[in-house]
Amino acid sequence: MKTQLAAILATAVTLSAATAHAGGPVIIEEQEVVAEKPASSVGILPLLLVGIVLCVALCGGSDDDEQGGSIGGER
């Protein structure tokens, strides 16, 4: 019985040691760090501002009197 227990333990130790080294050594290579290009000075914000200004200039304000309450242009 002791020989069977010793054989089982020896097999378990051998298998666990084999799985511990299964992947081989891990080699970490140094990577070159590339600095990001800074955002350009002309982005989307100036384009949005131009669009808003044009919308205000073309769509804004009406010539109708808000307090008039007249129908058909009569005063």
N, C-alpha and C. Protein backbone atom coordinates (compact mmCIF):
# COMPACT_ATOMS: atom_id res chain seq x y z
N MET A 1 0.82 -1.18 0.00
CA MET A 1 0.00 0.00 0.00
C MET A 1 0.86 1.25 0.00
N LYS A 2 1.96 1.21 0.77
CA LYS A 2 2.84 2.37 0.81
C LYS A 2 3.49 2.62 -0.54
N THR A 3 3.75 1.56 -1.26
CA THR A 3 4.38 1.73 -2.58
C THR A 3 3.40 2.34 -3.58
N GLN A 4 2.11 1.99 -3.44
CA GLN A 4 1.11 2.59 -4.33
C GLN A 4 0.94 4.07 -4.00
N LEU A 5 0.91 4.42 -2.74
CA LEU A 5 0.78 5.81 -2.32
C LEU A 5 1.99 6.62 -2.78
N ALA A 6 3.17 6.05 -2.66
CA ALA A 6 4.39 6.73 -3.10
C ALA A 6 4.37 6.93 -4.61
N ALA A 7 3.89 5.94 -5.35
CA ALA A 7 3.82 6.06 -6.81
C ALA A 7 2.81 7.13 -7.23
N ILE A 8 1.68 7.17 -6.54
CA ILE A 8 0.66 8.17 -6.84
C ILE A 8 1.19 9.57 -6.54
N LEU A 9 1.84 9.77 -5.42
CA LEU A 9 2.39 11.07 -5.07
C LEU A 9 3.50 11.48 -6.03
N ALA A 10 4.33 10.56 -6.44
CA ALA A 10 5.41 10.88 -7.38
C ALA A 10 4.84 11.28 -8.73
N THR A 11 3.78 10.61 -9.16
CA THR A 11 3.12 10.95 -10.42
C THR A 11 2.47 12.33 -10.33
N ALA A 12 1.83 12.62 -9.20
CA ALA A 12 1.18 13.93 -9.02
C ALA A 12 2.20 15.05 -9.03
N VAL A 13 3.34 14.84 -8.36
CA VAL A 13 4.38 15.86 -8.33
C VAL A 13 4.95 16.08 -9.72
N THR A 14 5.15 15.00 -10.46
CA THR A 14 5.70 15.09 -11.81
C THR A 14 4.74 15.83 -12.73
N LEU A 15 3.47 15.51 -12.65
CA LEU A 15 2.48 16.16 -13.52
C LEU A 15 2.32 17.64 -13.17
N SER A 16 2.33 17.96 -11.89
CA SER A 16 2.17 19.36 -11.50
C SER A 16 3.39 20.18 -11.91
N ALA A 17 4.56 19.58 -11.85
CA ALA A 17 5.77 20.29 -12.27
C ALA A 17 5.77 20.50 -13.78
N ALA A 18 5.25 19.53 -14.53
CA ALA A 18 5.20 19.64 -15.99
C ALA A 18 4.23 20.75 -16.40
N THR A 19 3.12 20.86 -15.70
CA THR A 19 2.16 21.91 -16.05
C THR A 19 2.66 23.28 -15.64
N ALA A 20 3.50 23.36 -14.65
CA ALA A 20 4.03 24.64 -14.22
C ALA A 20 4.96 25.23 -15.27
N HIS A 21 5.65 24.38 -16.03
CA HIS A 21 6.59 24.84 -17.04
C HIS A 21 6.05 24.63 -18.46
N ALA A 22 4.76 24.45 -18.60
CA ALA A 22 4.18 24.09 -19.89
C ALA A 22 4.33 25.20 -20.93
N GLY A 23 4.26 26.44 -20.52
CA GLY A 23 4.29 27.53 -21.48
C GLY A 23 5.67 27.96 -21.87
N GLY A 24 6.66 27.54 -21.18
CA GLY A 24 8.01 27.96 -21.46
C GLY A 24 8.28 29.34 -20.88
N PRO A 25 9.46 29.86 -21.10
CA PRO A 25 9.78 31.16 -20.53
C PRO A 25 9.01 32.29 -21.25
N VAL A 26 8.64 33.29 -20.51
CA VAL A 26 7.93 34.44 -21.07
C VAL A 26 8.96 35.54 -21.33
N ILE A 27 9.06 35.94 -22.57
CA ILE A 27 10.02 36.98 -22.96
C ILE A 27 9.24 38.25 -23.28
N ILE A 28 9.52 39.30 -22.55
CA ILE A 28 8.85 40.58 -22.75
C ILE A 28 9.77 41.48 -23.55
N GLU A 29 9.33 41.86 -24.74
CA GLU A 29 10.14 42.73 -25.59
C GLU A 29 9.77 44.18 -25.32
N GLU A 30 10.76 45.03 -25.35
CA GLU A 30 10.49 46.45 -25.17
C GLU A 30 9.91 47.00 -26.46
N GLN A 31 8.88 47.80 -26.31
CA GLN A 31 8.22 48.37 -27.48
C GLN A 31 8.60 49.84 -27.58
N GLU A 32 8.72 50.29 -28.81
CA GLU A 32 9.04 51.69 -29.04
C GLU A 32 7.79 52.53 -28.78
N VAL A 33 7.96 53.57 -27.99
CA VAL A 33 6.84 54.43 -27.65
C VAL A 33 6.77 55.54 -28.70
N VAL A 34 5.63 55.61 -29.36
CA VAL A 34 5.43 56.64 -30.39
C VAL A 34 4.54 57.72 -29.80
N ALA A 35 5.05 58.94 -29.78
CA ALA A 35 4.28 60.05 -29.22
C ALA A 35 3.14 60.39 -30.17
N GLU A 36 1.98 60.64 -29.59
CA GLU A 36 0.83 60.99 -30.41
C GLU A 36 1.00 62.39 -30.97
N LYS A 37 0.50 62.56 -32.17
CA LYS A 37 0.53 63.87 -32.80
C LYS A 37 -0.51 64.73 -32.10
N PRO A 38 -0.13 65.93 -31.69
CA PRO A 38 -1.11 66.78 -31.01
C PRO A 38 -2.26 67.15 -31.95
N ALA A 39 -3.39 67.38 -31.36
CA ALA A 39 -4.56 67.74 -32.15
C ALA A 39 -4.29 69.02 -32.92
N SER A 40 -4.77 69.06 -34.12
CA SER A 40 -4.55 70.26 -34.94
C SER A 40 -5.33 71.43 -34.35
N SER A 41 -4.87 72.63 -34.64
CA SER A 41 -5.51 73.82 -34.09
C SER A 41 -6.88 74.05 -34.72
N VAL A 42 -7.07 73.57 -35.96
CA VAL A 42 -8.37 73.71 -36.60
C VAL A 42 -9.11 72.40 -36.40
N GLY A 43 -10.04 72.42 -35.48
CA GLY A 43 -10.80 71.22 -35.18
C GLY A 43 -12.23 71.41 -35.60
N ILE A 44 -13.12 70.74 -34.90
CA ILE A 44 -14.54 70.82 -35.24
C ILE A 44 -15.22 72.01 -34.58
N LEU A 45 -14.65 72.52 -33.50
CA LEU A 45 -15.28 73.62 -32.78
C LEU A 45 -15.44 74.88 -33.64
N PRO A 46 -14.41 75.33 -34.36
CA PRO A 46 -14.62 76.52 -35.20
C PRO A 46 -15.67 76.29 -36.28
N LEU A 47 -15.75 75.08 -36.80
CA LEU A 47 -16.77 74.80 -37.82
C LEU A 47 -18.16 74.87 -37.21
N LEU A 48 -18.31 74.37 -35.99
CA LEU A 48 -19.61 74.47 -35.32
C LEU A 48 -19.98 75.92 -35.04
N LEU A 49 -19.01 76.71 -34.62
CA LEU A 49 -19.29 78.11 -34.34
C LEU A 49 -19.72 78.86 -35.59
N VAL A 50 -19.07 78.59 -36.71
CA VAL A 50 -19.44 79.23 -37.98
C VAL A 50 -20.86 78.83 -38.35
N GLY A 51 -21.20 77.57 -38.18
CA GLY A 51 -22.56 77.11 -38.49
C GLY A 51 -23.61 77.76 -37.60
N ILE A 52 -23.30 77.91 -36.33
CA ILE A 52 -24.25 78.55 -35.40
C ILE A 52 -24.43 80.02 -35.76
N VAL A 53 -23.34 80.70 -36.07
CA VAL A 53 -23.43 82.13 -36.44
C VAL A 53 -24.25 82.30 -37.70
N LEU A 54 -24.03 81.43 -38.70
CA LEU A 54 -24.81 81.52 -39.93
C LEU A 54 -26.29 81.24 -39.67
N CYS A 55 -26.59 80.29 -38.83
CA CYS A 55 -27.98 79.98 -38.52
C CYS A 55 -28.66 81.15 -37.81
N VAL A 56 -27.95 81.77 -36.89
CA VAL A 56 -28.51 82.92 -36.18
C VAL A 56 -28.75 84.07 -37.15
N ALA A 57 -27.81 84.29 -38.05
CA ALA A 57 -27.93 85.39 -39.00
C ALA A 57 -29.05 85.14 -40.02
N LEU A 58 -29.20 83.92 -40.49
CA LEU A 58 -30.18 83.64 -41.54
C LEU A 58 -31.55 83.27 -40.98
N CYS A 59 -31.62 82.62 -39.85
CA CYS A 59 -32.89 82.13 -39.30
C CYS A 59 -33.43 83.03 -38.20
N GLY A 60 -32.60 83.82 -37.63
CA GLY A 60 -33.00 84.56 -36.44
C GLY A 60 -33.86 85.77 -36.73
N GLY A 61 -34.67 86.11 -35.74
CA GLY A 61 -35.46 87.33 -35.74
C GLY A 61 -36.47 87.41 -36.87
N SER A 62 -37.68 87.80 -36.54
CA SER A 62 -38.69 88.02 -37.57
C SER A 62 -39.16 89.46 -37.47
N ASP A 63 -39.77 89.92 -38.53
CA ASP A 63 -40.24 91.31 -38.56
C ASP A 63 -41.64 91.45 -37.98
N ASP A 64 -42.28 90.34 -37.66
CA ASP A 64 -43.64 90.38 -37.14
C ASP A 64 -43.63 90.91 -35.71
N ASP A 65 -44.68 91.67 -35.38
CA ASP A 65 -44.83 92.19 -34.03
C ASP A 65 -45.41 91.10 -33.16
N GLU A 66 -44.74 90.75 -32.09
CA GLU A 66 -45.19 89.66 -31.25
C GLU A 66 -46.42 90.04 -30.42
N GLN A 67 -46.63 91.32 -30.11
CA GLN A 67 -47.75 91.73 -29.29
C GLN A 67 -48.93 92.21 -30.12
N GLY A 68 -48.80 92.25 -31.41
CA GLY A 68 -49.84 92.81 -32.28
C GLY A 68 -51.14 92.07 -32.19
N GLY A 69 -51.13 90.79 -32.36
CA GLY A 69 -52.34 90.02 -32.28
C GLY A 69 -53.31 90.30 -33.42
N SER A 70 -52.89 90.97 -34.48
CA SER A 70 -53.77 91.30 -35.58
C SER A 70 -53.86 90.12 -36.53
N ILE A 71 -55.01 90.03 -37.20
CA ILE A 71 -55.22 88.96 -38.16
C ILE A 71 -55.33 89.59 -39.54
N GLY A 72 -54.58 89.03 -40.49
CA GLY A 72 -54.66 89.51 -41.86
C GLY A 72 -53.93 90.81 -42.09
N GLY A 73 -53.08 91.21 -41.23
CA GLY A 73 -52.29 92.41 -41.43
C GLY A 73 -52.98 93.70 -41.04
N GLU A 74 -54.20 93.63 -40.47
CA GLU A 74 -54.91 94.85 -40.04
C GLU A 74 -54.38 95.32 -38.71
N ARG A 75 -54.38 96.64 -38.52
CA ARG A 75 -53.92 97.18 -37.24
C ARG A 75 -54.96 98.05 -36.63
